[in-house]
Amino acid sequence: MIRTMTTAVNTMNQLQNNLDIIGNNLSNIGTHGYKSNQASFQEMLYQQFNNDKADTAPRQSPEGIRYGVGAMLGQTQMNWKVGTLQQTGRNLDFALTEPKNYFNVIVQGPDGPETVYTRQGNFYLSPAQGNRVALVDGEGNAVADRAGNGITFNGPVDSIELKADGTLVAQSANGAEQTAEMAVTLIERPNLLTRLSSTHFTLPSNWEELNVTEADILTEIAGPEVGIQQGALEGSNVDYQKEMTDLINVQRAYQFNSRTVSIADQMLGLVNNIR
């Protein structure tokens, strides 16, 4: 009975993690550029009980009994498929049309400025030093150009136009034009990225453990390879129907294991009360 309870409790702990993943997906169904996570399970360590050697009865079932100790969360993978494009008509909204392309954003990390990657393309113009304006994301982080610096223009800027190759053309009130090349990175292996927030990712720190280099994960792209659409935002790729179905299945599995613990507890009580 104790082993039955242990098996059920082990599985319940892992199912709780899956519930957290599903809940996070559902809570970000309206977040632009959000990529859903999908969990997969695998069997934990098990013990094999072989049949008695004197038992020669013919069987069609596998020999012996394999007694496990529950299931565990094997891995969590990011669904990197492109979400639905939503037309906004705003010239500072940008949507990436290729699945593994990411904008570069400069954030202030513990060791200084660092580049992170996002597909959330709702940008804004923010005042900067020297009568300049900076292109920033919704959290105030600078959007990077292909040289790794924040994109700025001599202000004020009336409008910004996006060229097919990812070049931004800012037009001032006096008709003067300024250009900037927006950085776009192709992430070859997005599942290796570390999630900083719902929409921001950074490169892993354990390069040697993963046996990869930075060149194996990302590639800077430019020109026709860049797929950006102005005046639109990429919606979340969360499948609401699938997430709700998974939620029901996980809840039922959790209830089943919880019932297993209750039954095992009742059986232990019966055994202890035998006189």
Protein backbone atom coordinates (compact mmCIF):
# COMPACT_ATOMS: atom_id res chain seq x y z
CA MET A 1 0.00 0.00 0.00
CA ILE A 2 2.83 2.36 0.83
CA ARG A 3 4.34 1.76 -2.61
CA THR A 4 0.98 2.42 -4.27
CA MET A 5 0.71 5.74 -2.45
CA THR A 6 4.28 6.67 -3.40
CA THR A 7 3.63 5.95 -7.08
CA ALA A 8 0.47 8.06 -7.11
CA VAL A 9 2.04 10.97 -5.23
CA ASN A 10 5.06 11.03 -7.56
CA THR A 11 2.74 11.26 -10.56
CA MET A 12 0.56 13.94 -8.92
CA ASN A 13 3.59 16.18 -8.37
CA GLN A 14 4.50 15.95 -12.05
CA LEU A 15 0.90 16.49 -13.17
CA GLN A 16 0.87 19.69 -11.11
CA ASN A 17 3.81 20.96 -13.19
CA ASN A 18 1.86 20.19 -16.34
CA LEU A 19 -1.13 22.09 -14.97
CA ASP A 20 1.15 25.09 -14.40
CA ILE A 21 2.34 24.92 -18.03
CA ILE A 22 -1.21 24.73 -19.38
CA GLY A 23 -2.33 27.56 -17.10
CA ASN A 24 0.54 29.74 -18.29
CA ASN A 25 -0.40 29.07 -21.92
CA LEU A 26 -4.04 29.97 -21.31
CA SER A 27 -3.13 33.14 -19.40
CA ASN A 28 -1.03 34.34 -22.36
CA ILE A 29 -3.57 33.58 -25.07
CA GLY A 30 -3.88 37.33 -25.73
CA THR A 31 -0.14 38.13 -25.52
CA HIS A 32 1.34 39.15 -28.86
CA GLY A 33 4.25 37.00 -29.97
CA TYR A 34 3.77 34.42 -27.21
CA LYS A 35 4.87 30.85 -27.99
CA SER A 36 3.10 28.06 -26.14
CA ASN A 37 4.89 25.29 -24.25
CA GLN A 38 4.08 21.61 -24.59
CA ALA A 39 5.01 19.00 -21.98
CA SER A 40 5.76 15.33 -22.55
CA PHE A 41 5.91 12.60 -19.91
CA GLN A 42 8.05 9.53 -19.48
CA GLU A 43 8.07 6.56 -17.12
CA MET A 44 10.16 6.73 -13.98
CA LEU A 45 12.37 3.91 -12.68
CA TYR A 46 10.56 0.57 -12.53
CA GLN A 47 11.21 -2.88 -11.06
CA GLN A 48 10.82 -6.12 -12.99
CA PHE A 49 9.28 -9.14 -11.21
CA ASN A 50 9.91 -12.29 -13.24
CA ASN A 51 7.66 -15.34 -13.26
CA ASP A 52 8.54 -18.36 -11.15
CA LYS A 53 10.79 -20.67 -13.16
CA ALA A 54 8.51 -23.58 -12.26
CA ASP A 55 5.58 -21.77 -13.87
CA THR A 56 5.45 -23.19 -17.40
CA ALA A 57 1.87 -22.22 -18.22
CA PRO A 58 1.57 -20.74 -21.75
CA ARG A 59 0.73 -17.03 -21.78
CA GLN A 60 0.09 -14.46 -24.47
CA SER A 61 0.87 -11.56 -22.13
CA PRO A 62 4.45 -10.41 -21.45
CA GLU A 63 6.31 -12.46 -18.90
CA GLY A 64 6.57 -11.10 -15.40
CA ILE A 65 5.27 -7.87 -13.93
CA ARG A 66 6.84 -4.46 -14.37
CA TYR A 67 6.11 -2.36 -11.30
CA GLY A 68 6.77 1.34 -11.78
CA VAL A 69 6.96 4.26 -9.38
CA GLY A 70 5.01 6.80 -11.42
CA ALA A 71 5.50 9.16 -14.36
CA MET A 72 7.66 12.24 -14.65
CA LEU A 73 7.76 15.33 -16.82
CA GLY A 74 10.26 14.38 -19.52
CA GLN A 75 10.77 17.69 -21.32
CA THR A 76 9.05 20.93 -22.23
CA GLN A 77 9.19 22.06 -25.83
CA MET A 78 8.24 25.41 -27.29
CA ASN A 79 5.76 25.51 -30.15
CA TRP A 80 7.52 27.91 -32.52
CA LYS A 81 4.80 28.00 -35.23
CA VAL A 82 3.70 31.45 -36.38
CA GLY A 83 0.58 32.81 -34.72
CA THR A 84 -2.27 34.56 -36.51
CA LEU A 85 -1.32 37.97 -37.90
CA GLN A 86 -3.56 40.77 -36.63
CA GLN A 87 -3.77 43.93 -38.72
CA THR A 88 -3.45 47.10 -36.62
CA GLY A 89 -2.64 49.80 -39.19
CA ARG A 90 -0.08 51.29 -36.80
CA ASN A 91 3.28 51.96 -38.47
CA LEU A 92 5.27 51.01 -35.35
CA ASP A 93 3.72 47.54 -35.15
CA PHE A 94 5.78 44.81 -36.82
CA ALA A 95 5.02 41.12 -37.27
CA LEU A 96 7.59 38.50 -38.23
CA THR A 97 6.19 36.15 -40.88
CA GLU A 98 8.85 33.42 -40.60
CA PRO A 99 8.60 30.95 -37.68
CA LYS A 100 12.14 31.10 -36.26
CA ASN A 101 12.93 34.80 -36.73
CA TYR A 102 13.29 37.08 -33.70
CA PHE A 103 13.75 40.79 -33.05
CA ASN A 104 16.79 41.82 -31.01
CA VAL A 105 16.13 43.88 -27.88
CA ILE A 106 18.73 45.31 -25.52
CA VAL A 107 17.95 44.87 -21.82
CA GLN A 108 19.91 45.78 -18.71
CA GLY A 109 21.21 42.53 -17.23
CA PRO A 110 23.17 41.90 -14.02
CA ASP A 111 26.46 42.24 -15.92
CA GLY A 112 25.39 45.17 -18.09
CA PRO A 113 23.42 45.49 -21.34
CA GLU A 114 22.66 42.22 -23.09
CA THR A 115 20.71 41.21 -26.18
CA VAL A 116 17.54 39.17 -25.81
CA TYR A 117 15.16 37.89 -28.45
CA THR A 118 11.44 38.43 -28.90
CA ARG A 119 8.68 38.18 -31.49
CA GLN A 120 6.55 40.84 -29.81
CA GLY A 121 6.73 43.69 -32.30
CA ASN A 122 4.66 46.52 -30.79
CA PHE A 123 7.32 49.25 -30.67
CA TYR A 124 7.26 52.90 -29.66
CA LEU A 125 9.32 56.08 -30.02
CA SER A 126 10.78 57.32 -26.74
CA PRO A 127 12.73 60.57 -26.12
CA ALA A 128 16.48 60.05 -25.83
CA GLN A 129 19.49 62.23 -25.14
CA GLY A 130 20.53 64.96 -27.54
CA ASN A 131 17.10 65.69 -29.06
CA ARG A 132 16.89 62.15 -30.40
CA VAL A 133 14.16 59.53 -30.24
CA ALA A 134 14.77 55.83 -29.60
CA LEU A 135 12.81 52.87 -30.88
CA VAL A 136 11.81 50.80 -27.82
CA ASP A 137 9.51 47.91 -27.00
CA GLY A 138 6.55 47.98 -24.63
CA GLU A 139 8.84 47.65 -21.60
CA GLY A 140 11.11 50.53 -22.64
CA ASN A 141 13.97 48.32 -23.87
CA ALA A 142 15.89 49.56 -26.90
CA VAL A 143 15.35 47.75 -30.20
CA ALA A 144 18.74 46.80 -31.65
CA ASP A 145 20.09 47.42 -35.13
CA ARG A 146 22.35 45.01 -37.03
CA ALA A 147 25.42 46.46 -35.32
CA GLY A 148 24.01 45.59 -31.89
CA ASN A 149 23.25 49.20 -30.91
CA GLY A 150 19.92 50.73 -30.02
CA ILE A 151 18.03 52.31 -32.94
CA THR A 152 17.74 56.10 -32.61
CA PHE A 153 16.75 58.96 -34.91
CA ASN A 154 17.16 62.71 -34.84
CA GLY A 155 13.82 63.93 -33.56
CA PRO A 156 11.10 64.67 -34.01
CA VAL A 157 9.97 61.88 -36.37
CA ASP A 158 6.63 62.04 -38.16
CA SER A 159 6.47 58.57 -39.69
CA ILE A 160 8.46 55.37 -40.12
CA GLU A 161 8.32 53.14 -43.19
CA LEU A 162 9.58 49.57 -43.37
CA LYS A 163 11.38 48.34 -46.46
CA ALA A 164 11.23 44.74 -47.64
CA ASP A 165 14.76 44.01 -46.36
CA GLY A 166 14.00 45.18 -42.82
CA THR A 167 15.37 48.72 -43.25
CA LEU A 168 13.49 51.45 -41.40
CA VAL A 169 13.09 54.85 -43.07
CA ALA A 170 12.15 57.63 -40.65
CA GLN A 171 10.80 60.86 -42.11
CA SER A 172 10.94 64.15 -40.22
CA ALA A 173 8.58 67.08 -40.53
CA ASN A 174 11.04 68.95 -42.77
CA GLY A 175 11.15 66.02 -45.21
CA ALA A 176 14.55 64.71 -44.13
CA GLU A 177 14.92 60.93 -44.16
CA GLN A 178 16.97 58.73 -41.83
CA THR A 179 17.52 55.00 -42.13
CA ALA A 180 18.27 52.21 -39.69
CA GLU A 181 18.68 48.48 -40.25
CA MET A 182 16.58 46.51 -37.79
CA ALA A 183 18.33 43.39 -36.48
CA VAL A 184 16.54 40.09 -37.07
CA THR A 185 18.02 36.79 -35.87
CA LEU A 186 17.22 33.31 -37.12
CA ILE A 187 17.11 30.92 -34.14
CA GLU A 188 18.00 27.50 -35.52
CA ARG A 189 17.21 25.64 -32.28
CA PRO A 190 14.61 27.69 -30.35
CA ASN A 191 14.06 24.98 -27.74
CA LEU A 192 17.56 25.68 -26.38
CA LEU A 193 16.67 29.28 -25.51
CA THR A 194 16.06 30.28 -21.90
CA ARG A 195 12.71 31.97 -21.33
CA LEU A 196 13.07 35.24 -19.42
CA SER A 197 9.41 36.25 -19.61
CA SER A 198 6.34 35.39 -21.64
CA THR A 199 7.85 36.82 -24.82
CA HIS A 200 11.58 37.39 -24.16
CA PHE A 201 14.31 34.75 -24.53
CA THR A 202 18.04 34.62 -24.03
CA LEU A 203 20.81 32.25 -24.98
CA PRO A 204 21.65 29.37 -22.62
CA SER A 205 24.63 29.67 -20.30
CA ASN A 206 25.55 25.96 -20.19
CA TRP A 207 27.17 25.75 -23.64
CA GLU A 208 29.50 22.89 -22.74
CA GLU A 209 26.75 20.79 -21.18
CA LEU A 210 24.57 21.18 -24.28
CA ASN A 211 27.58 20.60 -26.56
CA VAL A 212 26.65 23.54 -28.81
CA THR A 213 28.09 26.91 -29.73
CA GLU A 214 26.40 30.22 -30.35
CA ALA A 215 26.79 29.70 -34.10
CA ASP A 216 24.80 26.45 -33.81
CA ILE A 217 21.81 28.29 -32.35
CA LEU A 218 21.51 31.65 -34.10
CA THR A 219 22.24 33.31 -37.43
CA GLU A 220 21.97 37.01 -38.21
CA ILE A 221 19.90 37.50 -41.38
CA ALA A 222 19.30 40.45 -43.69
CA GLY A 223 17.88 41.30 -47.09
CA PRO A 224 15.24 39.07 -48.71
CA GLU A 225 15.57 36.47 -45.93
CA VAL A 226 13.90 38.86 -43.49
CA GLY A 227 10.12 38.45 -43.34
CA ILE A 228 8.51 41.43 -41.59
CA GLN A 229 5.08 42.95 -42.06
CA GLN A 230 4.40 46.52 -40.95
CA GLY A 231 1.10 47.54 -39.43
CA ALA A 232 0.44 44.10 -37.96
CA LEU A 233 1.17 42.06 -34.84
CA GLU A 234 1.61 38.33 -34.42
CA GLY A 235 -0.95 36.84 -32.08
CA SER A 236 -0.29 34.07 -29.60
CA ASN A 237 -0.09 30.60 -31.13
CA VAL A 238 -1.92 29.03 -28.18
CA ASP A 239 -4.63 26.61 -29.38
CA TYR A 240 -7.46 27.26 -26.93
CA GLN A 241 -9.38 24.07 -27.75
CA LYS A 242 -6.27 21.90 -27.38
CA GLU A 243 -5.24 23.54 -24.10
CA MET A 244 -8.71 23.06 -22.61
CA THR A 245 -8.75 19.42 -23.71
CA ASP A 246 -5.31 18.86 -22.18
CA LEU A 247 -6.45 20.61 -19.01
CA ILE A 248 -9.42 18.26 -18.63
CA ASN A 249 -7.24 15.20 -19.26
CA VAL A 250 -4.61 16.28 -16.74
CA GLN A 251 -7.25 17.10 -14.12
CA ARG A 252 -8.82 13.67 -14.55
CA ALA A 253 -5.42 11.99 -14.25
CA TYR A 254 -4.76 14.02 -11.10
CA GLN A 255 -8.12 13.00 -9.63
CA PHE A 256 -7.45 9.35 -10.50
CA ASN A 257 -4.12 9.37 -8.66
CA SER A 258 -5.66 11.26 -5.75
CA ARG A 259 -8.32 8.57 -5.51
CA THR A 260 -5.57 5.95 -5.55
CA VAL A 261 -3.99 7.55 -2.49
CA SER A 262 -7.36 7.58 -0.69
CA ILE A 263 -8.05 3.92 -1.46
CA ALA A 264 -4.54 2.89 -0.36
CA ASP A 265 -5.04 4.81 2.87
CA GLN A 266 -8.35 3.04 3.51
CA MET A 267 -6.76 -0.36 2.87
CA LEU A 268 -3.94 0.43 5.30
CA GLY A 269 -6.55 1.35 7.87
CA LEU A 270 -8.32 -1.97 7.38
CA VAL A 271 -5.05 -3.89 7.74
CA ASN A 272 -4.11 -2.03 10.92
CA ASN A 273 -7.52 -2.72 12.45
CA ILE A 274 -7.32 -6.49 11.92
CA ARG A 275 -7.11 -8.28 15.25
